[in-house]
């Protein structure tokens, strides 16, 4: 995974509005790499502090990082057993929104 890809992931993740979530796969697809969701996850694992990594979750609507639950709840996102409530309703699709 090169630095340009990482920077693109970070730039796109910064666009996710508060109270909304996107997925690793949606970001990968929006960047033109539909089969690289794991690379997005790796990039998010070491992202700068100004990147809202807590807003990027698995495609099943489950938090990959339990520590992000409080950040999302502070933004008004409902969570039950690490699963996003109303996932389809608050899903931010970069292909439609950017």
C-alpha atoms as a PDB file:
ATOM      1  CA  UNK A   1       0.000   0.000   0.000  1.00  0.00           C
ATOM      2  CA  UNK A   2       1.584   3.246  -1.050  1.00  0.00           C
ATOM      3  CA  UNK A   3       1.457   6.652   0.598  1.00  0.00           C
ATOM      4  CA  UNK A   4      -0.732   8.172  -2.139  1.00  0.00           C
ATOM      5  CA  UNK A   5      -3.419   5.558  -1.474  1.00  0.00           C
ATOM      6  CA  UNK A   6      -3.256   6.269   2.266  1.00  0.00           C
ATOM      7  CA  UNK A   7      -3.586  10.010   1.702  1.00  0.00           C
ATOM      8  CA  UNK A   8      -6.597   9.441  -0.539  1.00  0.00           C
ATOM      9  CA  UNK A   9      -8.213   7.259   2.137  1.00  0.00           C
ATOM     10  CA  UNK A  10      -7.638   9.949   4.762  1.00  0.00           C
ATOM     11  CA  UNK A  11      -8.976  12.702   2.527  1.00  0.00           C
ATOM     12  CA  UNK A  12     -12.157  10.766   1.823  1.00  0.00           C
ATOM     13  CA  UNK A  13     -12.648   9.753   5.462  1.00  0.00           C
ATOM     14  CA  UNK A  14     -12.423  13.408   6.512  1.00  0.00           C
ATOM     15  CA  UNK A  15     -15.532  14.071   4.403  1.00  0.00           C
ATOM     16  CA  UNK A  16     -17.765  11.708   6.401  1.00  0.00           C
ATOM     17  CA  UNK A  17     -20.154  13.950   8.345  1.00  0.00           C
ATOM     18  CA  UNK A  18     -20.648  13.693  12.094  1.00  0.00           C
ATOM     19  CA  UNK A  19     -23.404  11.245  12.934  1.00  0.00           C
ATOM     20  CA  UNK A  20     -22.828   9.209   9.778  1.00  0.00           C
ATOM     21  CA  UNK A  21     -20.674   6.168   9.009  1.00  0.00           C
ATOM     22  CA  UNK A  22     -19.091   4.647   5.948  1.00  0.00           C
ATOM     23  CA  UNK A  23     -17.338   1.341   5.338  1.00  0.00           C
ATOM     24  CA  UNK A  24     -13.860   0.214   4.417  1.00  0.00           C
ATOM     25  CA  UNK A  25     -15.261  -1.285   1.239  1.00  0.00           C
ATOM     26  CA  UNK A  26     -17.207   1.828   0.225  1.00  0.00           C
ATOM     27  CA  UNK A  27     -14.087   3.947   0.576  1.00  0.00           C
ATOM     28  CA  UNK A  28     -12.004   1.439  -1.390  1.00  0.00           C
ATOM     29  CA  UNK A  29     -14.603   1.346  -4.166  1.00  0.00           C
ATOM     30  CA  UNK A  30     -14.844   5.136  -4.311  1.00  0.00           C
ATOM     31  CA  UNK A  31     -11.069   5.310  -4.749  1.00  0.00           C
ATOM     32  CA  UNK A  32     -11.195   2.865  -7.654  1.00  0.00           C
ATOM     33  CA  UNK A  33      -9.987  -0.191  -5.740  1.00  0.00           C
ATOM     34  CA  UNK A  34     -13.159  -2.190  -5.016  1.00  0.00           C
ATOM     35  CA  UNK A  35     -11.311  -5.221  -3.652  1.00  0.00           C
ATOM     36  CA  UNK A  36      -9.023  -3.344  -1.290  1.00  0.00           C
ATOM     37  CA  UNK A  37     -11.145  -2.842   1.825  1.00  0.00           C
ATOM     38  CA  UNK A  38      -8.452  -4.449   3.969  1.00  0.00           C
ATOM     39  CA  UNK A  39      -5.932  -1.913   2.693  1.00  0.00           C
ATOM     40  CA  UNK A  40      -8.304   0.851   3.750  1.00  0.00           C
ATOM     41  CA  UNK A  41      -8.519  -0.763   7.180  1.00  0.00           C
ATOM     42  CA  UNK A  42      -4.743  -0.896   7.450  1.00  0.00           C
ATOM     43  CA  UNK A  43      -4.481   2.750   6.429  1.00  0.00           C
ATOM     44  CA  UNK A  44      -7.087   3.736   9.011  1.00  0.00           C
ATOM     45  CA  UNK A  45      -5.148   1.873  11.691  1.00  0.00           C
ATOM     46  CA  UNK A  46      -2.315   4.382  11.474  1.00  0.00           C
ATOM     47  CA  UNK A  47      -4.172   7.487  10.405  1.00  0.00           C
ATOM     48  CA  UNK A  48      -3.518  11.030  11.635  1.00  0.00           C
ATOM     49  CA  UNK A  49      -5.587  12.288  14.573  1.00  0.00           C
ATOM     50  CA  UNK A  50      -7.642  14.640  12.379  1.00  0.00           C
ATOM     51  CA  UNK A  51      -9.057  11.683  10.420  1.00  0.00           C
ATOM     52  CA  UNK A  52     -12.348  10.423  11.925  1.00  0.00           C
ATOM     53  CA  UNK A  53     -11.403   6.742  11.878  1.00  0.00           C
ATOM     54  CA  UNK A  54     -14.314   5.981  14.210  1.00  0.00           C
ATOM     55  CA  UNK A  55     -16.736   6.722  11.348  1.00  0.00           C
ATOM     56  CA  UNK A  56     -15.354   3.911   9.166  1.00  0.00           C
ATOM     57  CA  UNK A  57     -16.774   0.491   9.997  1.00  0.00           C
ATOM     58  CA  UNK A  58     -17.208  -2.972   8.515  1.00  0.00           C
ATOM     59  CA  UNK A  59     -19.714  -3.576   5.739  1.00  0.00           C
ATOM     60  CA  UNK A  60     -21.940  -5.500   8.137  1.00  0.00           C
ATOM     61  CA  UNK A  61     -22.470  -2.403  10.267  1.00  0.00           C
ATOM     62  CA  UNK A  62     -20.252  -3.643  13.085  1.00  0.00           C
ATOM     63  CA  UNK A  63     -17.541  -1.632  14.821  1.00  0.00           C
ATOM     64  CA  UNK A  64     -14.121  -3.107  14.176  1.00  0.00           C
ATOM     65  CA  UNK A  65     -12.658  -1.065  17.029  1.00  0.00           C
ATOM     66  CA  UNK A  66     -14.821  -1.220  20.183  1.00  0.00           C
ATOM     67  CA  UNK A  67     -13.056   1.841  21.598  1.00  0.00           C
ATOM     68  CA  UNK A  68     -14.747   3.958  18.913  1.00  0.00           C
ATOM     69  CA  UNK A  69     -18.225   3.322  20.342  1.00  0.00           C
ATOM     70  CA  UNK A  70     -18.190   6.314  22.685  1.00  0.00           C
ATOM     71  CA  UNK A  71     -17.031   8.679  19.928  1.00  0.00           C
ATOM     72  CA  UNK A  72     -19.872   7.583  17.671  1.00  0.00           C
ATOM     73  CA  UNK A  73     -22.423   7.747  20.472  1.00  0.00           C
ATOM     74  CA  UNK A  74     -21.263  11.303  21.209  1.00  0.00           C
ATOM     75  CA  UNK A  75     -22.148  12.104  17.600  1.00  0.00           C
ATOM     76  CA  UNK A  76     -25.633  10.652  18.017  1.00  0.00           C
ATOM     77  CA  UNK A  77     -25.012   7.236  16.451  1.00  0.00           C
ATOM     78  CA  UNK A  78     -26.929   4.452  18.172  1.00  0.00           C
ATOM     79  CA  UNK A  79     -24.990   1.260  18.864  1.00  0.00           C
ATOM     80  CA  UNK A  80     -26.071  -2.066  20.329  1.00  0.00           C
ATOM     81  CA  UNK A  81     -23.534  -4.881  20.882  1.00  0.00           C
ATOM     82  CA  UNK A  82     -21.047  -3.078  18.606  1.00  0.00           C
ATOM     83  CA  UNK A  83     -23.641  -3.005  15.806  1.00  0.00           C
ATOM     84  CA  UNK A  84     -24.747   0.323  14.356  1.00  0.00           C
ATOM     85  CA  UNK A  85     -28.481   0.936  14.750  1.00  0.00           C
ATOM     86  CA  UNK A  86     -30.170   2.207  11.581  1.00  0.00           C
ATOM     87  CA  UNK A  87     -26.994   1.424   9.650  1.00  0.00           C
ATOM     88  CA  UNK A  88     -28.622   1.787   6.234  1.00  0.00           C
ATOM     89  CA  UNK A  89     -30.188   5.086   7.241  1.00  0.00           C
ATOM     90  CA  UNK A  90     -26.950   6.743   8.412  1.00  0.00           C
ATOM     91  CA  UNK A  91     -24.626   5.077   5.889  1.00  0.00           C
ATOM     92  CA  UNK A  92     -22.582   7.665   3.988  1.00  0.00           C
ATOM     93  CA  UNK A  93     -21.795   6.371   0.503  1.00  0.00           C
ATOM     94  CA  UNK A  94     -18.905   8.318  -1.016  1.00  0.00           C
ATOM     95  CA  UNK A  95     -20.005   7.230  -4.492  1.00  0.00           C
ATOM     96  CA  UNK A  96     -23.263   9.162  -3.997  1.00  0.00           C
ATOM     97  CA  UNK A  97     -22.148  11.949  -1.671  1.00  0.00           C
ATOM     98  CA  UNK A  98     -18.887  13.209  -3.191  1.00  0.00           C
END
